C-alpha atoms as a PDB file:
ATOM      1  CA  MET A   1     -18.726 -24.100 -72.989  1.00  0.00           C
ATOM      2  CA  ARG A   2     -18.624 -24.716 -69.246  1.00  0.00           C
ATOM      3  CA  LYS A   3     -18.456 -21.461 -67.264  1.00  0.00           C
ATOM      4  CA  GLY A   4     -18.521 -22.930 -63.764  1.00  0.00           C
ATOM      5  CA  PRO A   5     -14.740 -23.151 -63.121  1.00  0.00           C
ATOM      6  CA  ALA A   6     -14.101 -19.742 -64.692  1.00  0.00           C
ATOM      7  CA  VAL A   7     -16.795 -18.061 -62.598  1.00  0.00           C
ATOM      8  CA  LEU A   8     -15.508 -19.788 -59.475  1.00  0.00           C
ATOM      9  CA  LEU A   9     -11.975 -18.576 -60.208  1.00  0.00           C
ATOM     10  CA  VAL A  10     -13.189 -14.993 -60.584  1.00  0.00           C
ATOM     11  CA  VAL A  11     -15.097 -15.208 -57.289  1.00  0.00           C
ATOM     12  CA  VAL A  12     -12.037 -16.600 -55.512  1.00  0.00           C
ATOM     13  CA  LEU A  13      -9.848 -13.824 -56.918  1.00  0.00           C
ATOM     14  CA  VAL A  14     -12.335 -11.129 -55.866  1.00  0.00           C
ATOM     15  CA  ILE A  15     -12.538 -12.535 -52.338  1.00  0.00           C
ATOM     16  CA  ALA A  16      -8.753 -12.782 -52.128  1.00  0.00           C
ATOM     17  CA  ALA A  17      -8.397  -9.180 -53.281  1.00  0.00           C
ATOM     18  CA  ALA A  18     -10.948  -8.005 -50.710  1.00  0.00           C
ATOM     19  CA  ILE A  19      -9.147  -9.874 -47.939  1.00  0.00           C
ATOM     20  CA  GLY A  20      -5.878  -8.331 -49.102  1.00  0.00           C
ATOM     21  CA  VAL A  21      -7.341  -4.832 -48.868  1.00  0.00           C
ATOM     22  CA  VAL A  22      -8.669  -5.468 -45.354  1.00  0.00           C
ATOM     23  CA  VAL A  23      -5.345  -6.922 -44.193  1.00  0.00           C
ATOM     24  CA  HIS A  24      -3.435  -4.012 -45.757  1.00  0.00           C
ATOM     25  CA  GLN A  25      -5.671  -1.490 -44.004  1.00  0.00           C
ATOM     26  CA  ALA A  26      -5.337  -3.302 -40.675  1.00  0.00           C
ATOM     27  CA  VAL A  27      -1.549  -3.536 -40.935  1.00  0.00           C
ATOM     28  CA  ASN A  28      -1.133   0.080 -42.047  1.00  0.00           C
ATOM     29  CA  LYS A  29      -3.694   1.641 -39.706  1.00  0.00           C
ATOM     30  CA  PRO A  30      -1.928   4.236 -37.530  1.00  0.00           C
ATOM     31  CA  LYS A  31      -1.579   3.269 -33.891  1.00  0.00           C
ATOM     32  CA  PRO A  32      -3.191   5.472 -31.252  1.00  0.00           C
ATOM     33  CA  GLY A  33      -0.679   7.876 -29.792  1.00  0.00           C
ATOM     34  CA  CYS A  34       0.337  11.442 -29.077  1.00  0.00           C
ATOM     35  CA  VAL A  35       3.026  13.735 -30.423  1.00  0.00           C
ATOM     36  CA  VAL A  36       4.675  16.801 -28.924  1.00  0.00           C
ATOM     37  CA  SER A  37       6.127  19.034 -31.625  1.00  0.00           C
ATOM     38  CA  GLY A  38       9.034  21.411 -31.228  1.00  0.00           C
ATOM     39  CA  ASP A  39      12.727  21.237 -32.071  1.00  0.00           C
ATOM     40  CA  ARG A  40      12.117  17.514 -32.383  1.00  0.00           C
ATOM     41  CA  GLU A  41       8.945  15.434 -32.391  1.00  0.00           C
ATOM     42  CA  ILE A  42       8.390  13.350 -29.294  1.00  0.00           C
ATOM     43  CA  THR A  43       6.097  10.360 -29.609  1.00  0.00           C
ATOM     44  CA  LEU A  44       4.125   9.103 -26.618  1.00  0.00           C
ATOM     45  CA  SER A  45       1.590   6.354 -26.178  1.00  0.00           C
ATOM     46  CA  ILE A  46      -1.863   7.370 -24.971  1.00  0.00           C
ATOM     47  CA  GLU A  47      -0.961   6.009 -21.527  1.00  0.00           C
ATOM     48  CA  GLN A  48       2.322   7.933 -21.388  1.00  0.00           C
ATOM     49  CA  ALA A  49       0.607  11.154 -22.443  1.00  0.00           C
ATOM     50  CA  GLU A  50      -2.013  10.752 -19.720  1.00  0.00           C
ATOM     51  CA  TYR A  51       0.614  10.242 -17.019  1.00  0.00           C
ATOM     52  CA  ALA A  52       2.744  13.110 -18.316  1.00  0.00           C
ATOM     53  CA  ALA A  53      -0.326  15.357 -18.248  1.00  0.00           C
ATOM     54  CA  THR A  54      -1.102  14.368 -14.666  1.00  0.00           C
ATOM     55  CA  ILE A  55       2.474  15.035 -13.522  1.00  0.00           C
ATOM     56  CA  ALA A  56       2.453  18.430 -15.229  1.00  0.00           C
ATOM     57  CA  ALA A  57      -1.010  19.310 -13.929  1.00  0.00           C
ATOM     58  CA  VAL A  58      -0.055  18.631 -10.322  1.00  0.00           C
ATOM     59  CA  GLY A  59       3.010  20.848 -10.653  1.00  0.00           C
ATOM     60  CA  TYR A  60       1.020  23.561 -12.395  1.00  0.00           C
ATOM     61  CA  SER A  61      -1.730  23.462  -9.758  1.00  0.00           C
ATOM     62  CA  GLU A  62       0.909  23.983  -7.061  1.00  0.00           C
ATOM     63  CA  GLY A  63       2.250  27.041  -8.843  1.00  0.00           C
ATOM     64  CA  LEU A  64       5.579  25.435  -9.684  1.00  0.00           C
ATOM     65  CA  PRO A  65       7.629  26.658 -12.650  1.00  0.00           C
ATOM     66  CA  GLU A  66       8.337  24.724 -15.832  1.00  0.00           C
ATOM     67  CA  HIS A  67      11.753  23.684 -14.430  1.00  0.00           C
ATOM     68  CA  ALA A  68      10.073  21.639 -11.691  1.00  0.00           C
ATOM     69  CA  VAL A  69       7.773  19.920 -14.185  1.00  0.00           C
ATOM     70  CA  THR A  70      10.762  19.180 -16.430  1.00  0.00           C
ATOM     71  CA  VAL A  71      12.610  17.598 -13.503  1.00  0.00           C
ATOM     72  CA  ALA A  72       9.594  15.460 -12.616  1.00  0.00           C
ATOM     73  CA  LEU A  73       9.026  14.328 -16.209  1.00  0.00           C
ATOM     74  CA  ALA A  74      12.711  13.515 -16.773  1.00  0.00           C
ATOM     75  CA  THR A  75      12.640  11.457 -13.584  1.00  0.00           C
ATOM     76  CA  ALA A  76       9.512   9.539 -14.585  1.00  0.00           C
ATOM     77  CA  LEU A  77      10.904   8.905 -18.081  1.00  0.00           C
ATOM     78  CA  GLN A  78      14.057   7.405 -16.580  1.00  0.00           C
ATOM     79  CA  GLU A  79      12.499   5.503 -13.685  1.00  0.00           C
ATOM     80  CA  SER A  80       9.410   3.998 -15.337  1.00  0.00           C
ATOM     81  CA  GLY A  81       9.246   5.120 -18.967  1.00  0.00           C
ATOM     82  CA  LEU A  82       6.178   7.134 -17.916  1.00  0.00           C
ATOM     83  CA  ARG A  83       4.349   3.971 -16.886  1.00  0.00           C
ATOM     84  CA  ASN A  84       2.614   3.351 -13.583  1.00  0.00           C
ATOM     85  CA  LEU A  85       4.577   0.216 -12.723  1.00  0.00           C
ATOM     86  CA  GLN A  86       3.161  -1.961  -9.975  1.00  0.00           C
ATOM     87  CA  GLY A  87       6.615  -3.214  -9.009  1.00  0.00           C
ATOM     88  CA  GLY A  88      10.313  -2.697  -9.611  1.00  0.00           C
ATOM     89  CA  ASP A  89      13.642  -2.931  -7.831  1.00  0.00           C
ATOM     90  CA  ARG A  90      12.933  -4.220  -4.334  1.00  0.00           C
ATOM     91  CA  ASP A  91       9.702  -2.473  -3.279  1.00  0.00           C
ATOM     92  CA  SER A  92       9.857   0.375  -5.805  1.00  0.00           C
ATOM     93  CA  ALA A  93       6.587   1.137  -7.610  1.00  0.00           C
ATOM     94  CA  GLY A  94       4.740   3.766  -9.596  1.00  0.00           C
ATOM     95  CA  LEU A  95       5.793   6.457 -12.047  1.00  0.00           C
ATOM     96  CA  PHE A  96       8.787   7.521  -9.960  1.00  0.00           C
ATOM     97  CA  GLN A  97       9.619   4.075  -8.547  1.00  0.00           C
ATOM     98  CA  GLN A  98       9.128   5.371  -5.033  1.00  0.00           C
ATOM     99  CA  ARG A  99       9.744   2.904  -2.202  1.00  0.00           C
ATOM    100  CA  PRO A 100       7.269   2.472   0.651  1.00  0.00           C
ATOM    101  CA  SER A 101      10.134   1.211   2.828  1.00  0.00           C
ATOM    102  CA  GLN A 102      11.863   4.579   2.345  1.00  0.00           C
ATOM    103  CA  GLY A 103       8.905   6.574   3.608  1.00  0.00           C
ATOM    104  CA  TRP A 104       7.267   7.520   0.311  1.00  0.00           C
ATOM    105  CA  GLY A 105       3.875   6.101   1.297  1.00  0.00           C
ATOM    106  CA  THR A 106       2.007   2.838   0.909  1.00  0.00           C
ATOM    107  CA  HIS A 107       2.095   0.815  -2.307  1.00  0.00           C
ATOM    108  CA  ALA A 108      -1.424   2.051  -3.098  1.00  0.00           C
ATOM    109  CA  GLN A 109      -0.305   5.648  -2.608  1.00  0.00           C
ATOM    110  CA  VAL A 110       2.871   5.536  -4.705  1.00  0.00           C
ATOM    111  CA  THR A 111       0.924   3.912  -7.553  1.00  0.00           C
ATOM    112  CA  ASP A 112      -1.614   6.763  -7.452  1.00  0.00           C
ATOM    113  CA  PRO A 113      -0.205   9.193 -10.057  1.00  0.00           C
ATOM    114  CA  VAL A 114      -1.523  12.301  -8.302  1.00  0.00           C
ATOM    115  CA  TYR A 115      -0.159  11.232  -4.911  1.00  0.00           C
ATOM    116  CA  SER A 116       3.222  10.200  -6.312  1.00  0.00           C
ATOM    117  CA  ALA A 117       3.653  13.439  -8.277  1.00  0.00           C
ATOM    118  CA  THR A 118       2.665  15.498  -5.233  1.00  0.00           C
ATOM    119  CA  ALA A 119       5.168  13.590  -3.097  1.00  0.00           C
ATOM    120  CA  PHE A 120       7.912  14.109  -5.673  1.00  0.00           C
ATOM    121  CA  TYR A 121       7.337  17.865  -5.833  1.00  0.00           C
ATOM    122  CA  ARG A 122       7.199  18.100  -2.037  1.00  0.00           C
ATOM    123  CA  VAL A 123      10.657  16.579  -1.651  1.00  0.00           C
ATOM    124  CA  LEU A 124      12.011  18.650  -4.549  1.00  0.00           C
ATOM    125  CA  ARG A 125      10.857  21.891  -2.926  1.00  0.00           C
ATOM    126  CA  GLU A 126      12.563  20.918   0.320  1.00  0.00           C
ATOM    127  CA  GLN A 127      15.922  21.365  -1.424  1.00  0.00           C
ATOM    128  CA  PRO A 128      16.958  25.019  -0.939  1.00  0.00           C
ATOM    129  CA  ASP A 129      18.663  25.449  -4.326  1.00  0.00           C
ATOM    130  CA  TRP A 130      16.528  23.220  -6.549  1.00  0.00           C
ATOM    131  CA  GLN A 131      15.628  26.074  -8.917  1.00  0.00           C
ATOM    132  CA  ASP A 132      19.290  26.883  -9.552  1.00  0.00           C
ATOM    133  CA  ILE A 133      20.683  23.419 -10.277  1.00  0.00           C
ATOM    134  CA  SER A 134      20.427  21.309 -13.420  1.00  0.00           C
ATOM    135  CA  VAL A 135      17.582  18.940 -14.177  1.00  0.00           C
ATOM    136  CA  THR A 136      19.668  15.841 -13.513  1.00  0.00           C
ATOM    137  CA  GLU A 137      21.061  17.267 -10.252  1.00  0.00           C
ATOM    138  CA  ALA A 138      17.573  18.189  -9.058  1.00  0.00           C
ATOM    139  CA  ALA A 139      16.245  14.739  -9.952  1.00  0.00           C
ATOM    140  CA  GLN A 140      19.107  13.098  -8.093  1.00  0.00           C
ATOM    141  CA  VAL A 141      18.596  15.017  -4.844  1.00  0.00           C
ATOM    142  CA  VAL A 142      15.050  13.646  -4.790  1.00  0.00           C
ATOM    143  CA  GLN A 143      15.676  10.115  -6.027  1.00  0.00           C
ATOM    144  CA  ARG A 144      19.176   9.386  -4.667  1.00  0.00           C
ATOM    145  CA  SER A 145      19.758   6.988  -7.536  1.00  0.00           C
ATOM    146  CA  ALA A 146      22.762   4.705  -8.038  1.00  0.00           C
ATOM    147  CA  PHE A 147      22.928   6.212 -11.543  1.00  0.00           C
ATOM    148  CA  PRO A 148      22.804   9.973 -10.908  1.00  0.00           C
ATOM    149  CA  GLU A 149      23.662  11.020 -14.469  1.00  0.00           C
ATOM    150  CA  ALA A 150      20.931   8.922 -16.091  1.00  0.00           C
ATOM    151  CA  TYR A 151      18.312  11.670 -15.873  1.00  0.00           C
ATOM    152  CA  ALA A 152      20.255  14.030 -18.150  1.00  0.00           C
ATOM    153  CA  GLN A 153      19.469  12.018 -21.280  1.00  0.00           C
ATOM    154  CA  TRP A 154      15.757  12.777 -20.857  1.00  0.00           C
ATOM    155  CA  GLU A 155      16.020  16.529 -20.311  1.00  0.00           C
ATOM    156  CA  PRO A 156      15.293  17.659 -23.921  1.00  0.00           C
ATOM    157  CA  GLN A 157      12.195  15.460 -24.199  1.00  0.00           C
ATOM    158  CA  ALA A 158      11.003  16.362 -20.707  1.00  0.00           C
ATOM    159  CA  ARG A 159      11.398  20.084 -21.349  1.00  0.00           C
ATOM    160  CA  SER A 160       9.392  19.970 -24.586  1.00  0.00           C
ATOM    161  CA  ILE A 161       6.613  17.974 -22.929  1.00  0.00           C
ATOM    162  CA  ALA A 162       6.610  20.310 -19.919  1.00  0.00           C
ATOM    163  CA  MET A 163       6.330  23.401 -22.110  1.00  0.00           C
ATOM    164  CA  ALA A 164       3.361  21.892 -23.954  1.00  0.00           C
ATOM    165  CA  LEU A 165       1.555  20.785 -20.808  1.00  0.00           C
ATOM    166  CA  THR A 166       2.158  23.975 -18.821  1.00  0.00           C
ATOM    167  CA  GLY A 167       0.800  26.085 -21.671  1.00  0.00           C
ATOM    168  CA  GLN A 168       4.064  27.760 -22.644  1.00  0.00           C
ATOM    169  CA  SER A 169       3.947  26.162 -26.100  1.00  0.00           C
ATOM    170  CA  ALA A 170       0.537  26.543 -27.738  1.00  0.00           C
ATOM    171  CA  ALA A 171      -1.090  23.635 -29.567  1.00  0.00           C
ATOM    172  CA  THR A 172       2.072  21.521 -29.562  1.00  0.00           C
ATOM    173  CA  LEU A 173       0.533  18.381 -28.055  1.00  0.00           C
ATOM    174  CA  ARG A 174      -1.847  16.438 -30.237  1.00  0.00           C
ATOM    175  CA  CYS A 175      -3.234  12.918 -30.068  1.00  0.00           C
ATOM    176  CA  ARG A 176      -4.439  10.787 -32.988  1.00  0.00           C
ATOM    177  CA  ASP A 177      -6.606   7.703 -33.470  1.00  0.00           C
ATOM    178  CA  VAL A 178      -7.755   8.028 -29.876  1.00  0.00           C
ATOM    179  CA  PRO A 179      -9.940   5.138 -28.639  1.00  0.00           C
ATOM    180  CA  LEU A 180     -12.699   7.127 -26.941  1.00  0.00           C
ATOM    181  CA  THR A 181     -14.384   5.727 -23.830  1.00  0.00           C
ATOM    182  CA  VAL A 182     -18.122   6.431 -23.588  1.00  0.00           C
ATOM    183  CA  PRO A 183     -19.220   7.351 -21.042  1.00  0.00           C
ATOM    184  CA  GLY A 184     -15.810   8.494 -19.863  1.00  0.00           C
ATOM    185  CA  ASP A 185     -14.642   9.435 -16.388  1.00  0.00           C
ATOM    186  CA  ASP A 186     -16.097  12.612 -14.922  1.00  0.00           C
ATOM    187  CA  VAL A 187     -13.784  15.262 -16.308  1.00  0.00           C
ATOM    188  CA  ALA A 188     -14.642  17.974 -13.771  1.00  0.00           C
ATOM    189  CA  THR A 189     -13.886  15.719 -10.799  1.00  0.00           C
ATOM    190  CA  VAL A 190     -10.527  14.630 -12.192  1.00  0.00           C
ATOM    191  CA  ALA A 191      -9.635  18.181 -13.241  1.00  0.00           C
ATOM    192  CA  ALA A 192     -10.319  19.490  -9.748  1.00  0.00           C
ATOM    193  CA  ARG A 193      -7.951  16.898  -8.273  1.00  0.00           C
ATOM    194  CA  GLU A 194      -5.172  17.255 -10.834  1.00  0.00           C
ATOM    195  CA  LEU A 195      -5.382  20.837 -12.109  1.00  0.00           C
ATOM    196  CA  GLY A 196      -6.912  22.398  -9.038  1.00  0.00           C
ATOM    197  CA  THR A 197      -9.879  23.716 -11.017  1.00  0.00           C
ATOM    198  CA  ALA A 198     -13.089  22.365 -12.504  1.00  0.00           C
ATOM    199  CA  LYS A 199     -13.566  25.413 -14.755  1.00  0.00           C
ATOM    200  CA  LEU A 200     -13.108  23.861 -18.176  1.00  0.00           C
ATOM    201  CA  SER A 201     -15.007  26.308 -20.356  1.00  0.00           C
ATOM    202  CA  GLY A 202     -15.250  30.017 -21.018  1.00  0.00           C
ATOM    203  CA  PRO A 203     -12.501  32.663 -21.075  1.00  0.00           C
ATOM    204  CA  GLN A 204      -9.073  31.593 -19.810  1.00  0.00           C
ATOM    205  CA  PRO A 205      -5.744  33.455 -19.605  1.00  0.00           C
ATOM    206  CA  GLN A 206      -3.440  32.391 -22.433  1.00  0.00           C
ATOM    207  CA  GLN A 207      -0.967  30.120 -20.651  1.00  0.00           C
ATOM    208  CA  ARG A 208      -3.571  28.643 -18.328  1.00  0.00           C
ATOM    209  CA  GLY A 209      -5.923  28.049 -21.254  1.00  0.00           C
ATOM    210  CA  TRP A 210      -3.333  26.123 -23.247  1.00  0.00           C
ATOM    211  CA  ALA A 211      -2.287  24.152 -20.163  1.00  0.00           C
ATOM    212  CA  ILE A 212      -5.882  23.027 -19.599  1.00  0.00           C
ATOM    213  CA  ALA A 213      -6.532  22.414 -23.305  1.00  0.00           C
ATOM    214  CA  SER A 214      -3.406  20.261 -23.622  1.00  0.00           C
ATOM    215  CA  TRP A 215      -4.346  18.354 -20.464  1.00  0.00           C
ATOM    216  CA  LEU A 216      -7.777  17.658 -21.954  1.00  0.00           C
ATOM    217  CA  VAL A 217      -6.315  16.381 -25.229  1.00  0.00           C
ATOM    218  CA  ALA A 218      -3.847  14.135 -23.389  1.00  0.00           C
ATOM    219  CA  HIS A 219      -6.761  12.667 -21.397  1.00  0.00           C
ATOM    220  CA  SER A 220      -9.216  12.599 -24.314  1.00  0.00           C
ATOM    221  CA  ALA A 221      -9.424   8.788 -24.393  1.00  0.00           C
ATOM    222  CA  ARG A 222     -10.186   8.634 -20.676  1.00  0.00           C
ATOM    223  CA  PHE A 223     -12.868  11.317 -20.839  1.00  0.00           C
ATOM    224  CA  GLY A 224     -14.322  10.396 -24.231  1.00  0.00           C
ATOM    225  CA  LEU A 225     -13.626  13.830 -25.734  1.00  0.00           C
ATOM    226  CA  ASP A 226     -13.993  14.169 -29.482  1.00  0.00           C
ATOM    227  CA  SER A 227     -13.004  17.852 -29.600  1.00  0.00           C
ATOM    228  CA  VAL A 228     -11.263  20.537 -27.546  1.00  0.00           C
ATOM    229  CA  THR A 229     -11.292  24.202 -28.556  1.00  0.00           C
ATOM    230  CA  TYR A 230      -9.190  27.038 -27.202  1.00  0.00           C
ATOM    231  CA  ASP A 231      -8.497  30.532 -28.498  1.00  0.00           C
ATOM    232  CA  GLY A 232      -9.799  29.932 -32.001  1.00  0.00           C
ATOM    233  CA  ARG A 233      -8.163  26.548 -32.567  1.00  0.00           C
ATOM    234  CA  THR A 234      -9.787  23.132 -32.302  1.00  0.00           C
ATOM    235  CA  TRP A 235      -8.336  19.666 -31.839  1.00  0.00           C
ATOM    236  CA  THR A 236     -10.569  16.796 -32.933  1.00  0.00           C
ATOM    237  CA  ALA A 237     -10.241  13.088 -32.326  1.00  0.00           C
ATOM    238  CA  ASP A 238     -10.997  12.493 -36.012  1.00  0.00           C
ATOM    239  CA  SER A 239      -8.158  14.619 -37.388  1.00  0.00           C
ATOM    240  CA  GLY A 240      -5.766  14.397 -34.458  1.00  0.00           C
ATOM    241  CA  GLU A 241      -4.646  17.946 -35.256  1.00  0.00           C
ATOM    242  CA  TRP A 242      -5.126  21.491 -34.020  1.00  0.00           C
ATOM    243  CA  LYS A 243      -6.803  23.582 -36.717  1.00  0.00           C
ATOM    244  CA  ALA A 244      -8.051  27.162 -36.942  1.00  0.00           C
ATOM    245  CA  SER A 245     -11.750  27.193 -36.104  1.00  0.00           C
ATOM    246  CA  GLY A 246     -12.799  30.733 -35.298  1.00  0.00           C
ATOM    247  CA  VAL A 247     -11.911  33.935 -33.529  1.00  0.00           C
ATOM    248  CA  ALA A 248      -8.936  33.879 -31.150  1.00  0.00           C
ATOM    249  CA  ASP A 249     -11.047  34.967 -28.187  1.00  0.00           C
ATOM    250  CA  GLY A 250      -9.378  33.057 -25.338  1.00  0.00           C
ATOM    251  CA  ALA A 251     -12.436  30.836 -24.864  1.00  0.00           C
ATOM    252  CA  LEU A 252     -12.116  27.179 -23.885  1.00  0.00           C
ATOM    253  CA  SER A 253     -14.667  24.468 -24.642  1.00  0.00           C
ATOM    254  CA  LEU A 254     -14.847  20.711 -24.983  1.00  0.00           C
ATOM    255  CA  ARG A 255     -17.234  18.192 -26.479  1.00  0.00           C
ATOM    256  CA  ARG A 256     -17.791  14.627 -25.338  1.00  0.00           C
ATOM    257  CA  ALA A 257     -18.374  11.842 -27.844  1.00  0.00           C
ATOM    258  CA  THR A 258     -21.786  10.206 -27.944  1.00  0.00           C
ATOM    259  CA  SER A 259     -20.445   6.828 -29.044  1.00  0.00           C
ATOM    260  CA  ALA A 260     -17.238   4.884 -28.509  1.00  0.00           C
ATOM    261  CA  ARG A 261     -14.637   4.558 -31.243  1.00  0.00           C
END
């Protein structure tokens, strides 16, 4: 009895099955991204989460309330989809589609997320009643858009993101399947520029601690962070979740990955 063809068929079937498993895993592998939980779940790409965190951090560092951060985030969601666009309508560019020809700064400046967010907040604060008007009205007095009502559609999402990133909602921002960069950017240098502090460990007041912890998670890919701990809860890049990890002592800490993933 000749076994050659039968053995060959078995080998082919085994290889085909193995390829099928690999393809299935590749197709069904979760994409990197972030989620803000609350009344509804808001899904962001890693890039969007990073830019949202920068916008919120700049506002927080300037002592602005959550309303200001909500206005800024709603504006960026409408104008750029929370992307740092290099171009747009006429000479518009950046997260807020600010125009150099309208005095917002150079192209290089308006495509610098920290500069553009700072410029946005500066103009917002120049409006005497900005804290008393709606999100869409406040956005419009800054942007002077041809579509003044367009910002309203983004208010619920912007408010949830703002509450997570300003520390008013604890452990509501989490990122999963994060592609960690090793070595990452210097976290203390970036934190000093965006958050106004390089103190990223040790005891922190509750709201400030969660604001910093959420900022770190949102930027975890950039900094190569595989875990962030605050007040007895730890987010890890492996799980993508916040989990109880010890005593709720108000202490903040982070850990950088030793290898890329």
